[in-house]
N, C-alpha and C. Protein backbone atom coordinates (compact mmCIF):
# COMPACT_ATOMS: atom_id res chain seq x y z
N MET A 1 0.92 -1.03 -0.12
CA MET A 1 -0.11 0.08 0.02
C MET A 1 0.76 1.32 0.15
N HIS A 2 0.40 1.91 -0.87
CA HIS A 2 1.41 3.64 -1.07
C HIS A 2 1.06 4.43 -0.05
N SER A 3 2.04 5.05 0.68
CA SER A 3 1.04 6.26 1.55
C SER A 3 1.67 7.39 1.11
N LEU A 4 0.59 8.24 1.65
CA LEU A 4 0.32 9.54 1.48
C LEU A 4 1.66 10.02 1.89
N PHE A 5 1.49 10.06 3.20
CA PHE A 5 2.01 10.66 4.68
C PHE A 5 3.54 9.75 4.03
N LEU A 6 3.99 9.62 3.85
CA LEU A 6 5.74 8.98 3.59
C LEU A 6 6.00 9.45 2.12
N LEU A 7 5.33 9.59 1.12
CA LEU A 7 5.38 10.81 -0.03
C LEU A 7 5.21 11.94 0.82
N PHE A 8 4.51 12.61 1.04
CA PHE A 8 4.26 14.20 1.82
C PHE A 8 5.04 14.59 2.15
N GLY A 9 6.04 13.45 3.21
CA GLY A 9 6.75 13.32 4.22
C GLY A 9 8.04 13.87 3.01
N ALA A 10 8.26 12.54 2.94
CA ALA A 10 10.07 12.30 1.94
C ALA A 10 9.83 14.11 1.39
N LEU A 11 9.24 14.46 0.35
CA LEU A 11 9.35 15.56 -0.35
C LEU A 11 9.14 16.33 0.57
N ALA A 12 8.19 16.86 2.13
CA ALA A 12 8.50 18.50 2.47
C ALA A 12 10.18 18.38 3.23
N ALA A 13 10.68 16.68 3.61
CA ALA A 13 12.28 16.85 3.74
C ALA A 13 12.85 17.40 2.86
N PHE A 14 12.92 16.80 1.18
CA PHE A 14 13.72 17.18 0.26
C PHE A 14 13.64 18.49 0.04
N THR A 15 12.13 19.41 0.09
CA THR A 15 12.38 20.62 0.04
C THR A 15 12.54 21.63 1.20
N GLY A 16 12.49 21.05 2.50
CA GLY A 16 12.95 22.08 4.00
C GLY A 16 14.38 21.49 3.50
N VAL A 17 15.28 20.68 2.83
CA VAL A 17 17.01 20.90 2.73
C VAL A 17 17.37 21.87 1.72
N GLY A 18 16.06 22.04 0.95
CA GLY A 18 16.92 22.79 -0.44
C GLY A 18 17.14 24.71 -0.08
N LEU A 19 15.76 24.11 0.86
CA LEU A 19 14.99 25.41 0.49
C LEU A 19 16.10 26.03 2.31
N GLY A 20 16.06 25.19 2.88
CA GLY A 20 17.50 25.83 4.40
C GLY A 20 18.94 26.10 3.61
N ALA A 21 19.68 25.59 1.83
CA ALA A 21 20.48 25.57 1.96
C ALA A 21 20.50 26.91 0.43
N PHE A 22 19.19 27.66 0.46
CA PHE A 22 18.62 28.08 -0.04
C PHE A 22 19.18 29.48 0.39
N GLY A 23 18.20 29.24 1.82
CA GLY A 23 18.22 30.50 2.98
C GLY A 23 19.80 31.04 3.61
N ALA A 24 20.60 29.89 3.89
CA ALA A 24 22.14 29.80 4.29
C ALA A 24 23.18 30.78 3.26
N HIS A 25 22.38 30.81 1.81
CA HIS A 25 24.29 30.53 1.04
C HIS A 25 23.05 31.68 -0.20
N GLY A 26 21.49 31.60 -0.59
CA GLY A 26 20.77 32.67 -1.34
C GLY A 26 20.25 33.84 -1.09
N LEU A 27 19.51 33.62 0.52
CA LEU A 27 19.01 34.51 1.12
C LEU A 27 19.69 35.65 2.10
N LYS A 28 20.72 34.92 2.80
CA LYS A 28 21.45 35.94 3.46
C LYS A 28 22.56 37.05 3.44
N ALA A 29 22.19 37.25 2.21
CA ALA A 29 22.68 38.76 1.46
C ALA A 29 21.77 40.09 2.04
N ILE A 30 20.87 39.02 1.21
CA ILE A 30 20.06 39.77 0.71
C ILE A 30 18.26 40.01 1.77
N LEU A 31 18.00 39.32 2.76
CA LEU A 31 16.67 39.70 3.63
C LEU A 31 17.73 39.61 5.10
N SER A 32 16.94 40.62 5.83
CA SER A 32 17.52 41.42 7.40
C SER A 32 18.01 39.89 8.49
N PRO A 33 18.32 40.87 9.16
CA PRO A 33 18.62 39.13 9.76
C PRO A 33 17.18 38.67 10.69
N GLU A 34 16.39 39.55 10.92
CA GLU A 34 14.93 39.18 11.60
C GLU A 34 14.22 38.25 10.82
N MET A 35 14.01 38.94 9.66
CA MET A 35 13.66 37.83 8.33
C MET A 35 13.94 36.88 7.66
N LEU A 36 15.45 37.42 7.85
CA LEU A 36 16.07 35.66 8.13
C LEU A 36 15.99 34.99 8.95
N ASP A 37 15.24 35.31 10.15
CA ASP A 37 14.96 34.43 11.02
C ASP A 37 13.83 33.50 11.05
N VAL A 38 12.84 34.39 10.66
CA VAL A 38 11.39 34.12 10.51
C VAL A 38 11.21 32.93 9.27
N TYR A 39 12.43 33.33 8.24
CA TYR A 39 12.72 31.80 7.23
C TYR A 39 13.26 30.78 7.96
N LYS A 40 13.88 30.64 8.76
CA LYS A 40 14.74 29.75 9.46
C LYS A 40 13.91 28.25 10.30
N THR A 41 12.53 29.41 10.97
CA THR A 41 12.24 29.16 11.80
C THR A 41 11.07 28.56 10.83
N GLY A 42 10.89 28.72 9.44
CA GLY A 42 9.76 28.12 8.61
C GLY A 42 10.15 26.43 8.57
N VAL A 43 11.82 26.84 7.99
CA VAL A 43 12.51 25.88 7.38
C VAL A 43 12.63 24.58 8.52
N ASN A 44 12.98 25.64 9.52
CA ASN A 44 12.96 24.01 11.23
C ASN A 44 11.38 23.84 11.62
N TYR A 45 10.75 24.14 11.36
CA TYR A 45 9.33 23.52 11.74
C TYR A 45 8.87 22.57 10.57
N GLN A 46 9.04 23.60 9.15
CA GLN A 46 8.94 22.07 7.95
C GLN A 46 9.93 20.27 8.37
N MET A 47 10.89 20.99 8.78
CA MET A 47 11.91 19.98 8.42
C MET A 47 11.27 18.68 10.01
N TRP A 48 11.01 19.29 11.27
CA TRP A 48 10.72 18.63 12.19
C TRP A 48 8.85 17.84 11.85
N HIS A 49 8.51 18.49 11.01
CA HIS A 49 7.10 18.18 10.44
C HIS A 49 6.96 17.25 9.69
N ALA A 50 8.11 17.46 8.96
CA ALA A 50 8.53 16.48 7.76
C ALA A 50 8.48 14.66 8.23
N LEU A 51 9.46 15.15 9.58
CA LEU A 51 9.80 13.70 10.47
C LEU A 51 8.93 13.23 10.94
N GLY A 52 7.42 14.29 11.28
CA GLY A 52 6.42 13.36 11.96
C GLY A 52 5.50 12.99 11.32
N LEU A 53 5.48 13.85 9.43
CA LEU A 53 4.44 13.15 9.00
C LEU A 53 5.00 11.48 8.27
N LEU A 54 6.61 11.20 8.65
CA LEU A 54 7.77 10.04 8.27
C LEU A 54 7.42 9.05 9.35
N ILE A 55 7.03 9.58 10.28
CA ILE A 55 6.44 8.75 12.03
C ILE A 55 4.85 8.21 11.54
N ILE A 56 4.68 8.74 11.13
CA ILE A 56 2.44 8.76 11.06
C ILE A 56 2.48 7.51 9.54
N ALA A 57 3.78 7.99 8.80
CA ALA A 57 3.52 7.10 7.53
C ALA A 57 4.04 5.08 8.66
N LEU A 58 4.85 5.28 9.34
CA LEU A 58 5.69 4.21 9.73
C LEU A 58 4.03 3.66 10.79
N ILE A 59 3.69 4.12 11.58
CA ILE A 59 2.38 3.70 11.94
C ILE A 59 1.41 3.49 11.68
N GLN A 60 0.96 3.48 10.19
CA GLN A 60 0.19 4.09 9.72
C GLN A 60 0.58 2.07 9.10
N GLN A 61 1.48 1.92 8.91
CA GLN A 61 1.71 0.22 8.44
C GLN A 61 1.14 -0.64 9.36
N HIS A 62 0.56 -0.13 10.52
CA HIS A 62 0.05 -1.61 11.72
C HIS A 62 -0.99 -0.49 12.37
N ALA A 63 -1.16 0.03 11.96
CA ALA A 63 -2.92 0.72 12.03
C ALA A 63 -3.41 1.33 10.33
N PRO A 64 -3.69 0.76 9.63
CA PRO A 64 -4.76 1.63 8.08
C PRO A 64 -5.65 1.99 8.31
N THR A 65 -6.23 1.40 9.12
CA THR A 65 -7.60 1.91 9.18
C THR A 65 -8.29 3.24 10.52
N SER A 66 -6.67 4.11 10.90
CA SER A 66 -6.41 4.08 12.47
C SER A 66 -7.20 6.03 11.88
N LYS A 67 -8.35 7.28 12.23
CA LYS A 67 -8.61 7.44 11.50
C LYS A 67 -7.57 8.84 12.03
N LEU A 68 -8.11 8.17 13.24
CA LEU A 68 -6.86 9.54 14.06
C LEU A 68 -5.64 9.98 13.23
N LEU A 69 -4.85 8.98 12.68
CA LEU A 69 -3.35 9.15 12.12
C LEU A 69 -3.91 9.46 10.83
N TYR A 70 -5.04 8.97 9.90
CA TYR A 70 -5.07 9.25 8.66
C TYR A 70 -5.40 11.75 9.23
N TRP A 71 -6.25 12.12 10.52
CA TRP A 71 -6.34 13.16 10.22
C TRP A 71 -4.87 13.82 11.41
N ALA A 72 -4.50 13.12 12.22
CA ALA A 72 -3.54 13.82 12.03
C ALA A 72 -2.55 14.35 11.07
N GLY A 73 -1.99 13.40 10.06
CA GLY A 73 -1.25 13.51 8.50
C GLY A 73 -1.92 14.60 7.90
N CYS A 74 -3.30 15.37 7.59
CA CYS A 74 -3.47 15.87 7.20
C CYS A 74 -3.41 16.44 7.66
N LEU A 75 -3.64 16.90 8.79
CA LEU A 75 -3.37 18.07 9.76
C LEU A 75 -1.42 18.78 9.72
N MET A 76 -1.23 18.02 9.90
CA MET A 76 0.47 17.94 10.06
C MET A 76 0.98 18.40 8.58
N ALA A 77 0.39 17.99 7.30
CA ALA A 77 0.84 17.99 6.49
C ALA A 77 -0.06 19.54 5.83
N SER A 78 -1.03 20.13 6.34
CA SER A 78 -1.91 21.79 5.72
C SER A 78 -0.83 22.25 6.99
N GLY A 79 -0.44 21.77 8.57
CA GLY A 79 0.31 23.04 8.57
C GLY A 79 1.50 23.85 7.96
N ILE A 80 2.16 22.47 7.88
CA ILE A 80 3.67 22.98 6.98
C ILE A 80 3.27 24.02 6.22
N VAL A 81 2.29 23.60 5.22
CA VAL A 81 2.05 24.38 4.09
C VAL A 81 1.95 25.89 4.64
N LEU A 82 0.45 26.04 5.18
CA LEU A 82 0.26 27.29 6.58
C LEU A 82 1.20 28.03 7.05
N PHE A 83 1.93 26.65 7.61
CA PHE A 83 2.99 27.66 8.45
C PHE A 83 4.05 28.08 8.23
N SER A 84 5.21 27.28 7.55
CA SER A 84 6.30 27.46 7.24
C SER A 84 5.86 28.05 5.84
N GLY A 85 4.97 28.05 4.74
CA GLY A 85 4.39 28.62 3.97
C GLY A 85 4.67 30.12 4.05
N SER A 86 4.26 29.98 4.97
CA SER A 86 3.53 32.17 5.06
C SER A 86 4.25 32.62 5.80
N LEU A 87 5.64 32.01 6.63
CA LEU A 87 7.07 32.67 7.06
C LEU A 87 7.67 32.10 5.97
N TYR A 88 8.10 31.89 5.13
CA TYR A 88 8.76 31.94 3.47
C TYR A 88 7.84 33.24 2.82
N CYS A 89 7.09 33.15 2.95
CA CYS A 89 6.06 34.95 2.19
C CYS A 89 6.75 35.51 2.42
N LEU A 90 6.50 36.12 3.83
CA LEU A 90 6.28 36.59 4.74
C LEU A 90 7.73 37.28 5.07
N ALA A 91 9.06 36.27 4.92
CA ALA A 91 10.47 36.51 5.05
C ALA A 91 10.95 37.42 3.12
N ILE A 92 10.73 35.78 2.31
CA ILE A 92 10.66 37.02 0.83
C ILE A 92 9.99 37.93 0.42
N MET A 93 9.33 37.74 0.44
CA MET A 93 7.88 38.42 0.14
C MET A 93 6.80 40.02 0.49
N ASN A 94 8.02 40.01 2.45
CA ASN A 94 6.94 41.16 2.72
C ASN A 94 5.92 41.47 2.59
N ILE A 95 5.28 40.33 2.78
CA ILE A 95 3.25 40.42 2.79
C ILE A 95 2.95 40.50 4.01
N LYS A 96 3.09 41.97 5.08
CA LYS A 96 2.77 41.21 6.58
C LYS A 96 1.80 40.92 6.69
N TRP A 97 0.48 40.58 6.10
CA TRP A 97 -0.36 40.34 5.92
C TRP A 97 -0.59 38.57 5.83
N LEU A 98 0.66 38.31 6.02
CA LEU A 98 0.39 36.34 5.62
C LEU A 98 0.99 36.28 7.36
N GLY A 99 0.97 37.13 7.95
CA GLY A 99 1.65 36.36 9.04
C GLY A 99 0.69 36.09 10.26
N MET A 100 -0.79 36.82 9.24
CA MET A 100 -2.36 36.02 10.36
C MET A 100 -2.08 34.58 9.99
N ILE A 101 -2.01 33.85 8.78
CA ILE A 101 -2.04 32.81 8.66
C ILE A 101 -1.08 31.76 9.28
N THR A 102 -0.53 31.98 9.87
CA THR A 102 0.93 31.57 10.21
C THR A 102 0.36 30.50 11.44
N PRO A 103 0.22 31.86 12.37
CA PRO A 103 -0.80 30.52 13.63
C PRO A 103 -1.83 29.88 13.46
N LEU A 104 -2.88 29.66 12.09
CA LEU A 104 -3.79 28.06 12.06
C LEU A 104 -3.23 27.45 11.35
N GLY A 105 -1.77 27.59 10.78
CA GLY A 105 -0.42 26.31 10.75
C GLY A 105 -0.67 25.78 12.13
N GLY A 106 0.43 26.62 12.84
CA GLY A 106 0.31 26.17 14.09
C GLY A 106 -0.88 25.68 15.15
N LEU A 107 -1.84 25.99 14.49
CA LEU A 107 -3.27 25.31 15.25
C LEU A 107 -3.10 23.99 15.01
N ALA A 108 -3.17 24.01 13.16
CA ALA A 108 -2.51 22.32 12.70
C ALA A 108 -2.18 21.44 13.87
N PHE A 109 -0.42 22.73 13.30
CA PHE A 109 0.58 20.67 14.01
C PHE A 109 0.11 20.36 15.68
N LEU A 110 -0.45 21.44 16.75
CA LEU A 110 -0.74 21.64 17.69
C LEU A 110 -2.36 20.30 17.13
N ILE A 111 -2.82 20.23 17.02
CA ILE A 111 -4.15 19.29 16.97
C ILE A 111 -3.39 17.90 16.42
N ALA A 112 -2.52 18.24 15.50
CA ALA A 112 -1.96 16.93 14.98
C ALA A 112 -0.86 15.85 15.79
N TRP A 113 -0.83 16.41 16.49
CA TRP A 113 -0.43 16.32 17.96
C TRP A 113 -1.03 16.05 19.23
N LEU A 114 -1.95 16.40 19.20
CA LEU A 114 -2.94 16.12 20.07
C LEU A 114 -3.31 14.56 19.86
N LEU A 115 -3.99 14.93 18.20
CA LEU A 115 -4.54 13.15 17.56
C LEU A 115 -3.88 11.59 17.93
N ILE A 116 -2.05 12.29 17.74
CA ILE A 116 -1.51 11.52 18.03
C ILE A 116 -1.50 10.75 19.47
N ILE A 117 -1.50 12.06 20.10
CA ILE A 117 -0.86 11.29 21.75
C ILE A 117 -2.77 10.24 22.20
N ILE A 118 -3.63 11.15 21.24
CA ILE A 118 -5.33 10.11 21.64
C ILE A 118 -5.12 8.86 21.53
N PHE A 119 -4.10 8.94 19.95
CA PHE A 119 -4.45 7.33 19.02
C PHE A 119 -3.02 6.50 20.51
N ALA A 120 -2.25 7.03 20.75
CA ALA A 120 -1.46 6.77 21.61
C ALA A 120 -1.76 5.85 22.84
N THR A 121 -3.04 6.75 23.27
CA THR A 121 -3.58 6.52 24.54
C THR A 121 -4.59 5.02 24.15
N LYS A 122 -4.98 5.02 22.97
CA LYS A 122 -6.47 3.96 22.68
C LYS A 122 -5.73 2.77 23.14
N LYS A 123 -4.69 1.81 22.10
CA LYS A 123 -5.16 0.51 22.08
C LYS A 123 -3.09 0.81 22.30
N PRO A 124 -2.80 -0.53 22.56
CA PRO A 124 -0.88 -0.69 21.75
C PRO A 124 -1.48 -1.61 20.57
N ILE A 125 -0.39 -1.32 19.86
CA ILE A 125 -0.64 -1.25 18.05
C ILE A 125 0.45 -2.78 17.93
N ALA A 126 0.47 -4.26 18.09
CA ALA A 126 1.17 -5.21 17.21
C ALA A 126 1.97 -4.76 16.58
N VAL A 127 3.17 -4.72 17.20
CA VAL A 127 4.90 -4.68 16.42
C VAL A 127 5.58 -5.59 16.44
N MET A 128 6.33 -6.30 15.00
CA MET A 128 6.85 -7.12 15.19
C MET A 128 8.12 -7.13 15.22
């Protein structure tokens, strides 16, 4: 069975590495230190949540019908787009109103982790 979360997690990690390198080498001389920190925060959260998606994909192999894991993955993927994406746009394009979108991505991250916590407390899964 192909895993959407494995694909999106790997894609998010791949692009996170590329965006991190771009920020470190291509944007260092262009952005202010404050906006470079904003950009770095986006990369940092993207990478951690890419790892989270990969973990969800692995756990899903043992609980493929779990709605909690499905929604956790969807929210985590959405959080990457909303949180990190808005920070990238804010830093590079200086569009200030995008800062209002960032907390929605943060909320998506929090709910995703909460769903994983709930899943973890439900019942143990058999691991070979």
